[in-house]
PDB file of N, CA and C in Angstrom:
ATOM      1  N   MET A   1      40.133 161.812  66.573  1.00  0.00           N
ATOM      2  CA  MET A   1      41.597 161.896  66.594  1.00  0.00           C
ATOM      3  C   MET A   1      42.380 162.744  67.235  1.00  0.00           C
ATOM      4  N   GLY A   2      41.732 164.119  67.297  1.00  0.00           N
ATOM      5  CA  GLY A   2      41.758 164.968  68.155  1.00  0.00           C
ATOM      6  C   GLY A   2      41.910 165.058  69.449  1.00  0.00           C
ATOM      7  N   TRP A   3      41.151 164.327  70.003  1.00  0.00           N
ATOM      8  CA  TRP A   3      40.853 163.602  71.130  1.00  0.00           C
ATOM      9  C   TRP A   3      42.293 162.822  71.834  1.00  0.00           C
ATOM     10  N   ILE A   4      42.694 162.380  70.966  1.00  0.00           N
ATOM     11  CA  ILE A   4      43.579 161.650  71.500  1.00  0.00           C
ATOM     12  C   ILE A   4      44.658 162.257  71.615  1.00  0.00           C
ATOM     13  N   ALA A   5      44.804 163.388  70.908  1.00  0.00           N
ATOM     14  CA  ALA A   5      46.400 164.382  71.414  1.00  0.00           C
ATOM     15  C   ALA A   5      46.217 164.765  72.227  1.00  0.00           C
ATOM     16  N   VAL A   6      45.038 165.641  72.654  1.00  0.00           N
ATOM     17  CA  VAL A   6      44.397 166.446  73.730  1.00  0.00           C
ATOM     18  C   VAL A   6      44.656 165.390  74.950  1.00  0.00           C
ATOM     19  N   MET A   7      44.395 163.971  74.856  1.00  0.00           N
ATOM     20  CA  MET A   7      44.543 163.464  76.240  1.00  0.00           C
ATOM     21  C   MET A   7      46.095 163.123  76.537  1.00  0.00           C
ATOM     22  N   THR A   8      46.739 162.608  75.308  1.00  0.00           N
ATOM     23  CA  THR A   8      48.048 162.554  75.363  1.00  0.00           C
ATOM     24  C   THR A   8      49.008 163.679  75.510  1.00  0.00           C
ATOM     25  N   LEU A   9      48.340 164.741  75.426  1.00  0.00           N
ATOM     26  CA  LEU A   9      49.120 166.201  75.792  1.00  0.00           C
ATOM     27  C   LEU A   9      48.800 166.276  77.401  1.00  0.00           C
ATOM     28  N   LEU A  10      47.824 166.448  77.948  1.00  0.00           N
ATOM     29  CA  LEU A  10      47.364 166.196  79.113  1.00  0.00           C
ATOM     30  C   LEU A  10      48.000 164.870  80.592  1.00  0.00           C
ATOM     31  N   ILE A  11      47.703 163.946  79.676  1.00  0.00           N
ATOM     32  CA  ILE A  11      48.642 162.962  80.351  1.00  0.00           C
ATOM     33  C   ILE A  11      50.005 163.231  80.571  1.00  0.00           C
ATOM     34  N   GLY A  12      50.658 163.607  79.432  1.00  0.00           N
ATOM     35  CA  GLY A  12      52.425 163.899  79.635  1.00  0.00           C
ATOM     36  C   GLY A  12      52.901 165.252  80.731  1.00  0.00           C
ATOM     37  N   LEU A  13      51.169 166.205  80.639  1.00  0.00           N
ATOM     38  CA  LEU A  13      52.023 167.086  81.569  1.00  0.00           C
ATOM     39  C   LEU A  13      51.737 167.009  83.153  1.00  0.00           C
ATOM     40  N   ALA A  14      50.435 165.936  83.357  1.00  0.00           N
ATOM     41  CA  ALA A  14      50.246 165.331  84.491  1.00  0.00           C
ATOM     42  C   ALA A  14      51.340 164.391  85.160  1.00  0.00           C
ATOM     43  N   VAL A  15      52.190 163.845  84.049  1.00  0.00           N
ATOM     44  CA  VAL A  15      53.338 162.792  84.693  1.00  0.00           C
ATOM     45  C   VAL A  15      54.293 163.968  84.758  1.00  0.00           C
ATOM     46  N   GLY A  16      54.625 164.738  83.811  1.00  0.00           N
ATOM     47  CA  GLY A  16      55.446 165.709  84.370  1.00  0.00           C
ATOM     48  C   GLY A  16      55.548 166.468  85.614  1.00  0.00           C
ATOM     49  N   ILE A  17      54.446 166.940  85.905  1.00  0.00           N
ATOM     50  CA  ILE A  17      54.324 167.830  87.203  1.00  0.00           C
ATOM     51  C   ILE A  17      54.686 166.960  89.012  1.00  0.00           C
ATOM     52  N   ARG A  18      54.522 165.454  88.639  1.00  0.00           N
ATOM     53  CA  ARG A  18      54.161 164.913  89.741  1.00  0.00           C
ATOM     54  C   ARG A  18      55.670 164.444  89.839  1.00  0.00           C
ATOM     55  N   ASN A  19      56.773 164.092  88.845  1.00  0.00           N
ATOM     56  CA  ASN A  19      57.757 163.487  88.413  1.00  0.00           C
ATOM     57  C   ASN A  19      58.563 164.870  88.065  1.00  0.00           C
ATOM     58  N   PRO A  20      58.756 165.791  88.759  1.00  0.00           N
ATOM     59  CA  PRO A  20      60.347 166.496  87.873  1.00  0.00           C
ATOM     60  C   PRO A  20      61.094 166.222  87.586  1.00  0.00           C
ATOM     61  N   LYS A  21      61.938 166.848  86.775  1.00  0.00           N
ATOM     62  CA  LYS A  21      63.039 166.023  86.439  1.00  0.00           C
ATOM     63  C   LYS A  21      64.254 166.147  87.819  1.00  0.00           C
ATOM     64  N   PRO A  22      64.932 165.406  87.695  1.00  0.00           N
ATOM     65  CA  PRO A  22      66.055 165.452  89.306  1.00  0.00           C
ATOM     66  C   PRO A  22      67.327 166.226  88.918  1.00  0.00           C
ATOM     67  N   ILE A  23      67.352 167.028  90.350  1.00  0.00           N
ATOM     68  CA  ILE A  23      68.169 167.959  90.356  1.00  0.00           C
ATOM     69  C   ILE A  23      69.469 167.331  91.290  1.00  0.00           C
ATOM     70  N   THR A  24      70.490 167.742  90.415  1.00  0.00           N
ATOM     71  CA  THR A  24      71.886 167.420  90.848  1.00  0.00           C
ATOM     72  C   THR A  24      72.835 168.021  91.154  1.00  0.00           C
ATOM     73  N   GLU A  25      73.473 168.318  92.143  1.00  0.00           N
ATOM     74  CA  GLU A  25      74.622 168.999  92.700  1.00  0.00           C
ATOM     75  C   GLU A  25      75.687 168.348  93.030  1.00  0.00           C
ATOM     76  N   ALA A  26      76.700 169.361  93.068  1.00  0.00           N
ATOM     77  CA  ALA A  26      78.530 168.820  93.366  1.00  0.00           C
ATOM     78  C   ALA A  26      78.909 169.983  93.688  1.00  0.00           C
ATOM     79  N   ARG A  27      80.222 169.139  94.600  1.00  0.00           N
ATOM     80  CA  ARG A  27      80.954 170.702  95.224  1.00  0.00           C
ATOM     81  C   ARG A  27      82.023 169.533  95.486  1.00  0.00           C
ATOM     82  N   THR A  28      83.100 170.722  95.129  1.00  0.00           N
ATOM     83  CA  THR A  28      84.599 170.367  95.756  1.00  0.00           C
ATOM     84  C   THR A  28      85.536 170.224  97.402  1.00  0.00           C
ATOM     85  N   PHE A  29      85.480 169.774  97.764  1.00  0.00           N
ATOM     86  CA  PHE A  29      86.356 170.147  98.468  1.00  0.00           C
ATOM     87  C   PHE A  29      87.689 169.702  99.822  1.00  0.00           C
ATOM     88  N   CYS A  30      88.508 170.554 100.409  1.00  0.00           N
ATOM     89  CA  CYS A  30      89.793 169.776 100.752  1.00  0.00           C
ATOM     90  C   CYS A  30      89.362 168.780 102.158  1.00  0.00           C
ATOM     91  N   ALA A  31      90.219 167.288 102.438  1.00  0.00           N
ATOM     92  CA  ALA A  31      89.945 166.873 103.690  1.00  0.00           C
ATOM     93  C   ALA A  31      90.868 165.972 103.486  1.00  0.00           C
ATOM     94  N   TYR A  32      91.887 165.939 104.734  1.00  0.00           N
ATOM     95  CA  TYR A  32      92.783 164.779 105.112  1.00  0.00           C
ATOM     96  C   TYR A  32      93.913 164.814 103.992  1.00  0.00           C
ATOM     97  N   GLY A  33      93.977 166.261 103.081  1.00  0.00           N
ATOM     98  CA  GLY A  33      95.179 166.634 102.063  1.00  0.00           C
ATOM     99  C   GLY A  33      94.584 166.110 100.784  1.00  0.00           C
ATOM    100  N   ARG A  34      93.656 165.407 100.844  1.00  0.00           N
ATOM    101  CA  ARG A  34      93.071 165.280  99.282  1.00  0.00           C
ATOM    102  C   ARG A  34      91.400 165.976  98.910  1.00  0.00           C
ATOM    103  N   VAL A  35      91.594 165.972  97.816  1.00  0.00           N
ATOM    104  CA  VAL A  35      90.303 166.574  97.102  1.00  0.00           C
ATOM    105  C   VAL A  35      89.570 165.326  96.950  1.00  0.00           C
ATOM    106  N   PHE A  36      88.239 166.082  97.377  1.00  0.00           N
ATOM    107  CA  PHE A  36      86.963 165.131  97.364  1.00  0.00           C
ATOM    108  C   PHE A  36      85.928 166.026  96.439  1.00  0.00           C
ATOM    109  N   VAL A  37      84.688 165.006  96.030  1.00  0.00           N
ATOM    110  CA  VAL A  37      83.727 165.803  95.127  1.00  0.00           C
ATOM    111  C   VAL A  37      82.667 165.071  95.997  1.00  0.00           C
ATOM    112  N   GLU A  38      81.881 165.923  96.273  1.00  0.00           N
ATOM    113  CA  GLU A  38      80.433 165.379  96.896  1.00  0.00           C
ATOM    114  C   GLU A  38      79.002 165.243  95.993  1.00  0.00           C
ATOM    115  N   PHE A  39      78.467 164.749  95.903  1.00  0.00           N
ATOM    116  CA  PHE A  39      77.326 164.929  95.098  1.00  0.00           C
ATOM    117  C   PHE A  39      75.717 164.920  95.962  1.00  0.00           C
ATOM    118  N   GLU A  40      75.047 165.549  95.728  1.00  0.00           N
ATOM    119  CA  GLU A  40      73.823 165.376  95.975  1.00  0.00           C
ATOM    120  C   GLU A  40      72.637 165.069  95.281  1.00  0.00           C
ATOM    121  N   ASP A  41      71.745 164.114  95.546  1.00  0.00           N
ATOM    122  CA  ASP A  41      70.492 164.082  94.108  1.00  0.00           C
ATOM    123  C   ASP A  41      69.336 163.575  94.598  1.00  0.00           C
ATOM    124  N   ASN A  42      69.092 164.176  94.332  1.00  0.00           N
ATOM    125  CA  ASN A  42      67.238 164.087  95.006  1.00  0.00           C
ATOM    126  C   ASN A  42      67.305 163.855  96.235  1.00  0.00           C
ATOM    127  N   GLY A  43      68.253 164.528  97.469  1.00  0.00           N
ATOM    128  CA  GLY A  43      67.591 164.284  98.971  1.00  0.00           C
ATOM    129  C   GLY A  43      69.549 163.150  99.169  1.00  0.00           C
ATOM    130  N   ARG A  44      69.738 162.480  98.129  1.00  0.00           N
ATOM    131  CA  ARG A  44      70.447 161.508  98.200  1.00  0.00           C
ATOM    132  C   ARG A  44      72.185 161.910  98.287  1.00  0.00           C
ATOM    133  N   LEU A  45      72.978 161.688  99.542  1.00  0.00           N
ATOM    134  CA  LEU A  45      74.225 162.296  99.236  1.00  0.00           C
ATOM    135  C   LEU A  45      75.476 161.440  99.575  1.00  0.00           C
ATOM    136  N   TRP A  46      76.013 161.818  98.171  1.00  0.00           N
ATOM    137  CA  TRP A  46      77.210 160.411  98.480  1.00  0.00           C
ATOM    138  C   TRP A  46      78.722 161.461  97.344  1.00  0.00           C
ATOM    139  N   GLY A  47      79.579 160.731  97.902  1.00  0.00           N
ATOM    140  CA  GLY A  47      80.795 161.381  97.242  1.00  0.00           C
ATOM    141  C   GLY A  47      82.265 160.132  97.334  1.00  0.00           C
ATOM    142  N   THR A  48      83.280 160.780  96.733  1.00  0.00           N
ATOM    143  CA  THR A  48      84.518 159.953  96.205  1.00  0.00           C
ATOM    144  C   THR A  48      85.613 160.917  96.471  1.00  0.00           C
ATOM    145  N   LEU A  49      86.816 160.738  96.106  1.00  0.00           N
ATOM    146  CA  LEU A  49      88.161 161.024  95.912  1.00  0.00           C
ATOM    147  C   LEU A  49      88.366 161.745  94.509  1.00  0.00           C
ATOM    148  N   MET A  50      88.439 162.821  94.238  1.00  0.00           N
ATOM    149  CA  MET A  50      88.694 162.995  92.784  1.00  0.00           C
ATOM    150  C   MET A  50      90.640 162.716  92.540  1.00  0.00           C
ATOM    151  N   LEU A  51      90.611 162.046  91.344  1.00  0.00           N
ATOM    152  CA  LEU A  51      91.530 161.187  91.032  1.00  0.00           C
ATOM    153  C   LEU A  51      92.095 162.106  89.578  1.00  0.00           C
ATOM    154  N   ASP A  52      93.326 161.758  89.352  1.00  0.00           N
ATOM    155  CA  ASP A  52      94.176 162.307  88.234  1.00  0.00           C
ATOM    156  C   ASP A  52      94.027 161.783  87.160  1.00  0.00           C
ATOM    157  N   PHE A  53      94.542 161.631  85.853  1.00  0.00           N
ATOM    158  CA  PHE A  53      94.785 161.185  84.835  1.00  0.00           C
ATOM    159  C   PHE A  53      95.044 159.562  84.893  1.00  0.00           C
ATOM    160  N   TYR A  54      95.997 159.715  86.192  1.00  0.00           N
ATOM    161  CA  TYR A  54      96.690 158.480  86.323  1.00  0.00           C
ATOM    162  C   TYR A  54      96.039 157.858  87.201  1.00  0.00           C
ATOM    163  N   GLY A  55      95.168 158.361  87.736  1.00  0.00           N
ATOM    164  CA  GLY A  55      94.695 157.183  88.677  1.00  0.00           C
ATOM    165  C   GLY A  55      94.381 157.595  90.372  1.00  0.00           C
ATOM    166  N   HIS A  56      95.446 158.641  90.520  1.00  0.00           N
ATOM    167  CA  HIS A  56      96.041 159.083  91.892  1.00  0.00           C
ATOM    168  C   HIS A  56      95.205 160.380  92.482  1.00  0.00           C
ATOM    169  N   PRO A  57      94.969 159.963  93.881  1.00  0.00           N
ATOM    170  CA  PRO A  57      94.599 161.072  94.497  1.00  0.00           C
ATOM    171  C   PRO A  57      94.583 162.472  94.299  1.00  0.00           C
ATOM    172  N   LEU A  58      94.102 163.548  94.342  1.00  0.00           N
ATOM    173  CA  LEU A  58      94.233 164.941  93.841  1.00  0.00           C
ATOM    174  C   LEU A  58      94.936 165.416  95.381  1.00  0.00           C
ATOM    175  N   PRO A  59      96.526 165.777  94.953  1.00  0.00           N
ATOM    176  CA  PRO A  59      96.261 166.666  96.675  1.00  0.00           C
ATOM    177  C   PRO A  59      95.660 168.121  96.636  1.00  0.00           C
ATOM    178  N   CYS A  60      96.014 168.649  97.883  1.00  0.00           N
ATOM    179  CA  CYS A  60      95.473 169.826  98.384  1.00  0.00           C
ATOM    180  C   CYS A  60      96.117 170.566  99.706  1.00  0.00           C
ATOM    181  N   ASN A  61      95.686 172.012  99.946  1.00  0.00           N
ATOM    182  CA  ASN A  61      96.406 172.408 101.006  1.00  0.00           C
ATOM    183  C   ASN A  61      95.190 172.750 101.854  1.00  0.00           C
ATOM    184  N   GLU A  62      95.255 172.069 103.160  1.00  0.00           N
ATOM    185  CA  GLU A  62      93.693 173.094 103.662  1.00  0.00           C
ATOM    186  C   GLU A  62      93.685 174.336 103.678  1.00  0.00           C
ATOM    187  N   GLY A  63      92.425 175.152 103.681  1.00  0.00           N
ATOM    188  CA  GLY A  63      92.423 176.105 103.918  1.00  0.00           C
ATOM    189  C   GLY A  63      92.538 177.069 102.238  1.00  0.00           C
ATOM    190  N   ASN A  64      92.486 175.988 101.455  1.00  0.00           N
ATOM    191  CA  ASN A  64      93.016 176.946 100.298  1.00  0.00           C
ATOM    192  C   ASN A  64      92.042 176.040  99.271  1.00  0.00           C
ATOM    193  N   ASP A  65      91.227 176.854  97.943  1.00  0.00           N
ATOM    194  CA  ASP A  65      90.449 175.973  97.076  1.00  0.00           C
ATOM    195  C   ASP A  65      91.458 175.071  96.401  1.00  0.00           C
ATOM    196  N   PRO A  66      90.902 173.874  96.415  1.00  0.00           N
ATOM    197  CA  PRO A  66      91.761 172.625  95.626  1.00  0.00           C
ATOM    198  C   PRO A  66      91.785 173.387  94.094  1.00  0.00           C
ATOM    199  N   GLU A  67      93.174 172.611  93.717  1.00  0.00           N
ATOM    200  CA  GLU A  67      93.587 173.346  92.144  1.00  0.00           C
ATOM    201  C   GLU A  67      93.566 171.994  91.270  1.00  0.00           C
ATOM    202  N   ILE A  68      92.339 171.629  90.489  1.00  0.00           N
ATOM    203  CA  ILE A  68      92.068 170.510  89.789  1.00  0.00           C
ATOM    204  C   ILE A  68      92.934 171.163  88.308  1.00  0.00           C
ATOM    205  N   LYS A  69      93.735 169.731  88.383  1.00  0.00           N
ATOM    206  CA  LYS A  69      94.344 170.112  86.784  1.00  0.00           C
ATOM    207  C   LYS A  69      94.856 168.440  86.711  1.00  0.00           C
ATOM    208  N   ASN A  70      95.157 168.341  85.129  1.00  0.00           N
ATOM    209  CA  ASN A  70      95.183 166.838  84.837  1.00  0.00           C
ATOM    210  C   ASN A  70      94.349 165.751  84.596  1.00  0.00           C
ATOM    211  N   THR A  71      92.690 166.710  84.870  1.00  0.00           N
ATOM    212  CA  THR A  71      91.717 165.311  85.609  1.00  0.00           C
ATOM    213  C   THR A  71      91.411 165.171  84.316  1.00  0.00           C
ATOM    214  N   ILE A  72      89.932 163.912  83.865  1.00  0.00           N
ATOM    215  CA  ILE A  72      89.172 163.426  83.232  1.00  0.00           C
ATOM    216  C   ILE A  72      88.032 164.355  82.990  1.00  0.00           C
TER     217      ILE A  72
END
């Protein structure tokens, strides 16, 4: 029974080394007077508009950090 536990542990370690946990990063930025959020997940990049509680796009001023309030 002990060798089964050892083999399971070794296989689990080998699978974990080959398939590391995904890394997801997010950032916000202003463009066209709106706040956008951009995600990068294991080399894939996608993004969308940030919306307020009522579903309206968040406005921002170019050159300033976005002020995010009343969001979900």
